[in-house]
Protein backbone atom coordinates (compact mmCIF):
# COMPACT_ATOMS: atom_id res chain seq x y z
CA MET A 1 -25.56 -1.19 4.72
CA LEU A 2 -23.64 2.02 4.42
CA LYS A 3 -25.35 4.49 2.12
CA LYS A 4 -23.08 6.55 -0.09
CA SER A 5 -24.47 9.69 1.52
CA LEU A 6 -23.09 8.53 4.87
CA LEU A 7 -19.60 8.07 3.41
CA ILE A 8 -19.79 11.48 1.77
CA GLY A 9 -20.85 12.93 5.11
CA LEU A 10 -17.91 11.26 6.81
CA VAL A 11 -15.49 12.75 4.30
CA ALA A 12 -17.05 16.18 4.75
CA MET A 13 -16.88 15.89 8.52
CA LEU A 14 -13.19 15.05 8.33
CA SER A 15 -12.52 18.19 6.29
CA VAL A 16 -11.51 19.94 9.51
CA PHE A 17 -8.10 18.42 8.85
CA SER A 18 -5.82 20.73 6.89
CA LEU A 19 -3.29 19.68 4.27
CA GLY A 20 0.32 19.33 5.42
CA ALA A 21 2.86 17.28 7.26
CA CYS A 22 2.39 18.70 10.76
CA LYS A 23 0.78 17.20 13.82
CA GLY A 24 -2.94 17.67 14.31
CA ASP A 25 -5.83 16.77 16.55
CA ASP A 26 -6.00 13.00 16.80
CA GLU A 27 -9.62 12.91 17.94
CA GLN A 28 -12.18 12.30 15.16
CA ASP A 29 -15.96 12.39 15.28
CA LYS A 30 -17.62 9.10 14.42
CA PRO A 31 -21.04 8.53 12.80
CA ALA A 32 -23.54 6.36 14.64
CA GLU A 33 -24.63 2.83 13.72
CA PRO A 34 -21.23 1.54 12.65
CA ALA A 35 -20.66 -1.48 10.46
CA THR A 36 -18.03 -3.74 11.98
CA ALA A 37 -15.74 -6.45 10.70
CA THR A 38 -16.39 -10.04 11.64
CA THR A 39 -13.71 -12.65 12.12
CA SER A 40 -14.60 -16.30 11.65
CA PRO A 41 -12.74 -19.59 11.33
CA ALA A 42 -11.11 -20.11 7.95
CA PRO A 43 -10.15 -23.32 6.17
CA ALA A 44 -6.98 -25.06 7.34
CA ALA A 45 -3.92 -22.90 7.97
CA ALA A 46 -0.55 -23.63 9.54
CA ASP A 47 0.00 -22.64 13.16
CA GLN A 48 2.47 -19.75 13.28
CA SER A 49 3.07 -16.67 15.37
CA GLU A 50 5.23 -13.62 15.82
CA ASP A 51 6.72 -12.41 19.07
CA LYS A 52 4.60 -14.87 21.04
CA PRO A 53 5.65 -17.92 23.05
CA VAL A 54 4.82 -21.24 21.42
CA GLU A 55 1.76 -22.64 23.16
CA ALA A 56 -0.31 -25.69 22.34
CA ASN A 57 -3.47 -23.61 21.80
CA ASP A 58 -1.84 -20.60 20.15
CA PRO A 59 -3.30 -20.18 16.63
CA ASN A 60 -0.22 -18.16 15.68
CA ALA A 61 2.44 -20.57 16.97
CA LEU A 62 5.55 -20.42 14.80
CA PRO A 63 8.01 -23.06 13.75
CA GLU A 64 11.54 -22.12 14.72
CA GLY A 65 13.11 -19.71 12.24
CA GLN A 66 9.79 -18.30 11.00
CA MET A 67 7.80 -15.19 11.77
CA ARG A 68 4.71 -13.45 10.44
CA SER A 69 5.40 -10.98 7.68
CA TYR A 70 4.84 -7.31 8.48
CA LEU A 71 3.50 -6.89 4.93
CA SER A 72 1.21 -9.90 4.49
CA GLY A 73 0.73 -11.42 7.95
CA LEU A 74 1.74 -14.79 6.48
CA PRO A 75 4.58 -16.95 7.77
CA VAL A 76 7.98 -16.24 6.25
CA ASP A 77 11.58 -17.01 7.12
CA GLU A 78 12.92 -14.63 9.74
CA LYS A 79 15.62 -13.36 7.36
CA ILE A 80 12.84 -12.21 5.00
CA GLY A 81 10.47 -10.92 7.66
CA ASN A 82 13.11 -8.87 9.43
CA ARG A 83 14.44 -7.45 6.17
CA ARG A 84 13.54 -3.86 5.35
CA PRO A 85 11.34 -3.91 2.26
CA VAL A 86 11.94 -1.86 -0.85
CA ALA A 87 9.20 0.48 -2.10
CA ILE A 88 9.55 0.82 -5.86
CA MET A 89 7.88 3.43 -8.06
CA LEU A 90 6.11 1.66 -10.94
CA ASN A 91 5.11 3.11 -14.28
CA ASN A 92 1.36 2.73 -14.83
CA LEU A 93 0.99 4.34 -18.24
CA LYS A 94 -0.56 2.17 -20.94
CA ALA A 95 2.70 2.17 -22.92
CA ALA A 96 4.41 0.53 -19.92
CA GLN A 97 2.00 -2.42 -19.68
CA PRO A 98 2.36 -5.17 -18.75
CA MET A 99 4.52 -4.40 -15.73
CA SER A 100 7.18 -6.84 -14.58
CA GLY A 101 7.38 -8.20 -11.06
CA VAL A 102 4.48 -6.25 -9.56
CA SER A 103 2.73 -9.44 -8.44
CA TYR A 104 5.63 -10.12 -6.05
CA ALA A 105 4.82 -6.98 -4.06
CA ASP A 106 2.81 -7.82 -0.94
CA VAL A 107 1.41 -4.28 -0.78
CA VAL A 108 0.66 -1.96 -3.72
CA TYR A 109 -0.36 1.70 -3.56
CA GLU A 110 -1.98 3.72 -6.33
CA TYR A 111 -2.04 7.52 -6.31
CA VAL A 112 -3.03 10.10 -8.90
CA VAL A 113 -0.19 12.20 -10.26
CA GLU A 114 -0.30 15.08 -12.72
CA GLY A 115 -2.57 14.81 -15.76
CA ALA A 116 -4.96 12.45 -13.92
CA ILE A 117 -2.66 9.48 -14.61
CA THR A 118 -1.85 7.14 -11.76
CA ARG A 119 1.43 5.72 -10.56
CA LEU A 120 1.90 2.60 -8.46
CA MET A 121 4.32 1.85 -5.65
CA GLY A 122 5.01 -1.79 -4.89
CA VAL A 123 6.33 -2.75 -1.45
CA PHE A 124 8.52 -5.87 -1.72
CA GLU A 125 10.08 -7.85 1.12
CA ASN A 126 11.08 -10.94 -0.87
CA TYR A 127 12.62 -9.89 -4.17
CA ASP A 128 15.22 -12.67 -4.21
CA GLY A 129 15.81 -13.98 -7.72
CA LEU A 130 13.77 -11.28 -9.47
CA GLU A 131 15.68 -10.14 -12.55
CA LYS A 132 13.19 -7.56 -13.80
CA ILE A 133 11.02 -5.19 -11.75
CA GLY A 134 9.38 -2.18 -13.36
CA SER A 135 9.38 -0.16 -15.34
CA VAL A 136 10.51 2.33 -12.72
CA ARG A 137 9.48 5.98 -12.71
CA SER A 138 10.10 9.14 -10.73
CA CYS A 139 9.22 10.17 -7.19
CA ARG A 140 6.33 12.19 -5.84
CA GLU A 141 6.50 13.43 -2.26
CA TYR A 142 3.42 11.60 -0.99
CA PHE A 143 4.82 8.23 -2.04
CA VAL A 144 7.84 8.88 0.19
CA TYR A 145 5.61 9.44 3.23
CA THR A 146 3.87 6.15 2.44
CA ALA A 147 7.17 4.26 2.06
CA LEU A 148 8.27 5.55 5.47
CA GLU A 149 5.30 3.79 7.08
CA PHE A 150 6.90 0.46 6.17
CA ASP A 151 10.47 1.39 7.15
CA ALA A 152 11.16 0.80 3.46
CA ILE A 153 14.08 1.75 1.25
CA TYR A 154 12.49 3.91 -1.44
CA MET A 155 13.49 3.36 -5.10
CA HIS A 156 12.80 5.79 -7.91
CA PHE A 157 14.25 7.18 -11.13
CA GLY A 158 14.31 10.94 -10.69
CA GLN A 159 11.84 13.11 -8.80
CA ALA A 160 9.56 16.13 -8.92
CA SER A 161 11.17 19.24 -7.51
CA TYR A 162 8.65 19.27 -4.65
CA ALA A 163 10.10 16.02 -3.30
CA VAL A 164 13.75 17.08 -3.16
CA GLU A 165 13.68 18.50 0.37
CA LEU A 166 12.03 15.37 1.78
CA LEU A 167 14.37 13.01 -0.09
CA ASP A 168 17.33 14.86 1.42
CA LYS A 169 16.19 14.12 4.99
CA ASP A 170 18.61 11.83 6.81
CA TYR A 171 15.79 9.44 7.71
CA VAL A 172 14.78 8.87 4.07
CA ASP A 173 16.85 6.01 2.63
CA ASN A 174 16.33 6.16 -1.10
CA ILE A 175 17.99 4.77 -4.22
CA ASN A 176 17.66 7.25 -7.08
CA GLY A 177 18.29 6.25 -10.68
CA LEU A 178 19.75 9.71 -11.23
CA GLY A 179 21.90 9.48 -8.09
CA PRO A 180 25.24 7.87 -7.26
CA ALA A 181 23.82 4.32 -7.17
CA GLY A 182 21.82 4.71 -10.36
CA ASP A 183 24.17 2.82 -12.65
CA VAL A 184 24.43 -0.20 -10.35
CA SER A 185 20.76 -0.35 -9.35
CA PHE A 186 18.90 0.20 -12.61
CA TYR A 187 19.19 -0.84 -16.24
CA ARG A 188 17.44 -0.05 -19.51
CA THR A 189 15.94 -2.51 -21.98
CA THR A 190 15.70 -2.13 -25.75
CA ASP A 191 12.14 -3.42 -26.17
CA ARG A 192 10.52 -0.15 -25.10
CA GLN A 193 11.23 3.51 -25.60
CA ALA A 194 12.36 5.75 -22.77
CA PRO A 195 11.06 6.55 -20.19
CA HIS A 196 9.23 3.21 -20.16
CA ASN A 197 12.31 0.98 -20.23
CA VAL A 198 14.00 1.44 -16.83
CA TYR A 199 14.07 -1.63 -14.56
CA THR A 200 15.70 -2.89 -11.39
CA SER A 201 16.43 -6.38 -10.06
CA ASP A 202 17.47 -8.21 -6.91
CA LYS A 203 21.11 -7.67 -7.83
CA GLY A 204 20.50 -3.98 -8.48
CA ILE A 205 18.64 -3.51 -5.21
CA ASN A 206 21.40 -5.18 -3.20
CA ALA A 207 24.14 -3.29 -5.04
CA GLY A 208 22.45 0.04 -4.30
CA ILE A 209 21.97 -0.79 -0.62
CA ASP A 210 25.61 -1.80 -0.33
CA MET A 211 26.91 1.29 -2.12
CA LEU A 212 24.84 3.68 -0.02
CA GLY A 213 25.39 1.81 3.23
CA TYR A 214 21.74 1.54 4.21
CA ARG A 215 20.48 -0.51 7.12
CA ARG A 216 19.17 -3.85 5.88
CA ASP A 217 16.94 -4.95 8.77
CA HIS A 218 14.04 -3.26 10.54
CA TYR A 219 14.96 -1.03 13.44
CA ASP A 220 14.46 -2.35 16.96
CA GLY A 221 10.86 -1.95 18.06
CA TYR A 222 9.38 -1.79 14.54
CA LYS A 223 5.73 -2.90 14.79
CA GLY A 224 4.54 -2.89 11.20
CA LYS A 225 1.60 -1.03 9.73
CA PHE A 226 -1.32 -3.46 9.49
CA LYS A 227 -3.21 -5.36 12.16
CA PHE A 228 -3.72 -8.85 10.75
CA CYS A 229 -6.25 -11.40 11.95
CA ASP A 230 -5.02 -14.61 13.55
CA LEU A 231 -3.81 -17.35 11.28
CA GLY A 232 -6.54 -19.95 10.87
CA THR A 233 -9.24 -17.25 10.83
CA GLU A 234 -10.49 -14.80 8.25
CA VAL A 235 -12.23 -11.43 8.30
CA THR A 236 -15.59 -11.69 6.51
CA ASN A 237 -17.03 -8.18 6.97
CA GLU A 238 -20.37 -9.99 7.10
CA LYS A 239 -22.14 -7.00 8.67
CA GLY A 240 -20.83 -4.72 5.93
CA TYR A 241 -22.24 -3.91 2.51
CA SER A 242 -21.68 -5.61 -0.83
CA ALA A 243 -18.29 -5.10 -2.48
CA LYS A 244 -18.23 -7.58 -5.36
CA HIS A 245 -17.27 -4.83 -7.81
CA ILE A 246 -15.06 -1.82 -7.00
CA GLU A 247 -14.22 1.16 -9.21
CA PRO A 248 -11.87 3.83 -7.76
CA LYS A 249 -12.76 5.96 -10.81
CA TYR A 250 -9.27 7.06 -11.81
CA LYS A 251 -9.83 8.77 -15.15
CA ILE A 252 -7.05 7.49 -17.40
CA ASN A 253 -6.45 3.81 -16.63
CA LYS A 254 -10.03 3.29 -15.38
CA PRO A 255 -9.21 0.38 -13.04
CA TRP A 256 -11.60 -1.90 -11.26
CA PHE A 257 -11.60 -4.95 -8.98
CA ASP A 258 -13.98 -7.90 -9.24
CA TYR A 259 -14.39 -10.35 -6.39
CA ASN A 260 -13.53 -13.89 -7.45
CA GLU A 261 -15.73 -16.31 -5.53
CA LYS A 262 -13.48 -19.27 -6.37
CA THR A 263 -10.26 -17.75 -5.04
CA GLY A 264 -11.71 -15.43 -2.39
CA LYS A 265 -9.60 -12.60 -3.79
CA TYR A 266 -10.11 -9.43 -5.83
CA ASP A 267 -8.90 -9.59 -9.43
CA ARG A 268 -7.44 -6.32 -10.75
CA TYR A 269 -8.34 -4.80 -14.13
CA GLN A 270 -7.34 -1.62 -15.96
CA TYR A 271 -7.20 -0.26 -19.51
CA ASP A 272 -10.26 -2.38 -20.42
CA GLY A 273 -8.79 -5.72 -19.42
CA PRO A 274 -7.01 -7.80 -16.78
CA GLN A 275 -3.82 -6.33 -15.34
CA ILE A 276 -1.11 -8.90 -15.95
CA ASP A 277 2.38 -9.37 -14.56
CA ASP A 278 4.71 -9.91 -17.52
CA LEU A 279 6.96 -12.21 -15.45
CA THR A 280 4.19 -14.66 -14.58
CA GLY A 281 1.58 -14.07 -17.26
CA GLU A 282 -1.02 -14.06 -14.50
CA GLN A 283 -3.59 -11.48 -13.43
CA LEU A 284 -2.96 -9.46 -10.29
CA SER A 285 -5.21 -10.39 -7.36
CA TYR A 286 -5.50 -9.19 -3.77
CA ASP A 287 -6.98 -10.36 -0.49
CA ASN A 288 -7.66 -6.82 0.72
CA VAL A 289 -8.64 -3.65 -1.13
CA ILE A 290 -8.55 -0.41 0.84
CA LEU A 291 -10.00 2.82 -0.53
CA GLN A 292 -8.26 5.61 1.36
CA TYR A 293 -9.58 9.16 0.94
CA ASN A 294 -6.96 11.90 1.35
CA PHE A 295 -7.25 15.66 1.25
CA TRP A 296 -5.22 17.24 -1.51
CA VAL A 297 -4.27 20.43 -3.33
CA GLN A 298 -2.94 21.31 -6.76
CA LEU A 299 0.48 22.89 -6.40
CA ASP A 300 0.96 24.68 -9.71
CA ASP A 301 -0.32 25.19 -13.25
CA LYS A 302 1.53 22.03 -14.35
CA ASP A 303 -0.99 20.03 -12.29
CA TYR A 304 1.47 18.74 -9.70
CA LEU A 305 -0.48 17.55 -6.66
CA ALA A 306 0.09 17.22 -2.93
CA PHE A 307 -1.78 14.75 -0.72
CA ASP A 308 -2.13 15.04 3.04
CA CYS A 309 -0.58 11.86 4.46
CA HIS A 310 -0.76 12.86 8.12
CA LYS A 311 -4.03 14.38 9.31
CA GLY A 312 -6.54 11.60 8.67
CA GLY A 313 -9.60 10.85 6.59
CA ALA A 314 -12.14 8.23 5.60
CA ILE A 315 -11.60 4.71 4.28
CA GLN A 316 -13.51 1.73 2.95
CA TYR A 317 -12.07 -1.69 3.72
CA CYS A 318 -13.12 -4.42 1.29
CA THR A 319 -12.49 -8.14 1.66
CA LYS A 320 -14.35 -11.36 0.84
CA GLY A 321 -16.90 -9.44 -1.24
CA LYS A 322 -17.95 -7.16 1.65
CA CYS A 323 -16.95 -3.66 2.72
CA ILE A 324 -17.03 -1.59 5.90
CA PRO A 325 -16.44 2.16 6.36
CA GLY A 326 -13.88 3.60 8.71
CA THR A 327 -11.23 6.24 9.23
CA TRP A 328 -7.48 6.52 8.99
CA LYS A 329 -5.07 8.49 11.08
CA ARG A 330 -1.32 8.51 11.56
CA ASP A 331 0.24 7.35 14.79
CA ILE A 332 2.00 9.88 16.93
CA ASN A 333 5.76 9.35 16.99
CA GLU A 334 7.21 12.03 19.21
CA ASP A 335 10.70 11.57 17.77
CA ASN A 336 9.66 11.84 14.12
CA TYR A 337 6.06 12.12 13.00
CA ASP A 338 6.97 11.09 9.43
CA LEU A 339 8.19 7.69 10.63
CA SER A 340 4.86 6.73 12.18
CA ALA A 341 2.33 4.59 10.34
CA ILE A 342 -1.24 5.24 9.25
CA ARG A 343 -3.69 2.99 11.09
CA TYR A 344 -7.22 2.03 10.07
CA TYR A 345 -10.19 2.18 12.47
CA ASP A 346 -13.82 1.10 12.33
CA MET A 347 -16.63 3.47 13.20
CA ASP A 348 -16.36 2.54 16.89
CA GLY A 349 -12.71 3.58 16.92
CA ASN A 350 -11.33 0.04 17.05
CA GLU A 351 -8.33 -0.76 14.88
CA ILE A 352 -9.48 -2.82 11.89
CA GLU A 353 -8.11 -6.33 11.48
CA ILE A 354 -7.43 -7.24 7.86
CA ASN A 355 -7.00 -10.60 6.22
CA ASN A 356 -3.59 -12.15 5.78
CA GLY A 357 -2.33 -11.88 2.23
CA LYS A 358 -1.76 -9.18 -0.37
CA THR A 359 -3.23 -5.70 -0.04
CA PHE A 360 -3.97 -3.02 -2.64
CA VAL A 361 -4.52 0.55 -1.40
CA CYS A 362 -6.16 3.07 -3.72
CA VAL A 363 -5.55 6.60 -2.44
CA ILE A 364 -8.40 8.74 -3.75
CA GLN A 365 -8.92 12.49 -3.72
CA ASN A 366 -11.42 13.14 -0.95
CA ASP A 367 -13.73 15.21 -3.12
CA LYS A 368 -14.10 12.32 -5.61
CA VAL A 369 -15.91 10.10 -3.11
CA ASP A 370 -19.21 10.53 -4.92
CA ASP A 371 -17.70 9.00 -8.08
CA VAL A 372 -16.42 5.79 -6.48
CA VAL A 373 -18.38 2.61 -7.08
CA VAL A 374 -18.59 -0.17 -4.46
CA GLU A 375 -21.39 -2.61 -5.16
């Protein structure tokens, strides 16, 4: 079992990485006696595969016209799986609850922004038929770097001044509510006061993409971000430590995750109760919870923050009520470092396989590691 002191030591050891968006040393020291993930057979699952020939004994064999999703690892129609996802900034203030459509995101990120509040970013590949997603809020630079990992079209309503230079890069495809596609991509409701009443929809997303002329499918050679286990198996983390209850310790919304033994997923809570999707009336739940520790700085006296999204750090990967420690680092893309993805590694340096399904990533300030609860 990983003692908290070991995780704190890992974070301290990784402090040799400096904040910024430049290339760094990719070699990282690794503590001894690692805890490793364990993959075991799961209950029945369909045989599917991606980019593999169909073989009688292939656990990932695919029916024609299907592929494994880059976001969830689950089988989807090729037109969905090859589609570039949209990464949408979501308002997480209490006045904006419950959100609409967030449960349809296969991947959700949570970062701290100014004033210790958090903001979410949902990554959606199948938004067909969704009439209300949001409410939508403004951009912070570190969310853009995260969206680029997924080859996503980034959607936001305004931005902090620190993000303007990055948003203007020719490789950042973004739909801004205050930009030329704002009127066709977003709408306001009358049931909430501004700024909590801005939403988008499938029609708005498609209209914005058409107006701005963005590429709709993944570029050739796109490999995705996560390494998923084979279909028909599951990662149990049986050699890890208990993770039935997780508290990232964000100060304002005070979220937590509880492992649901019946569903095998983590139920999400915040603001003293279940976090609900207004479209479904159901609580958010996730197959994987990743606690990702990033180095950070405060940029000004208005409490704007910057997170290092390039140099690496510590993680905890939680699934099936168990957790293992590890590290993250960004791939090297010689053409454009920003377009490479962060990968997750165990303490032996092997890339971590995660379970197929939905994933929630809590990005946590590295010096707050001592506050986090995993038990």
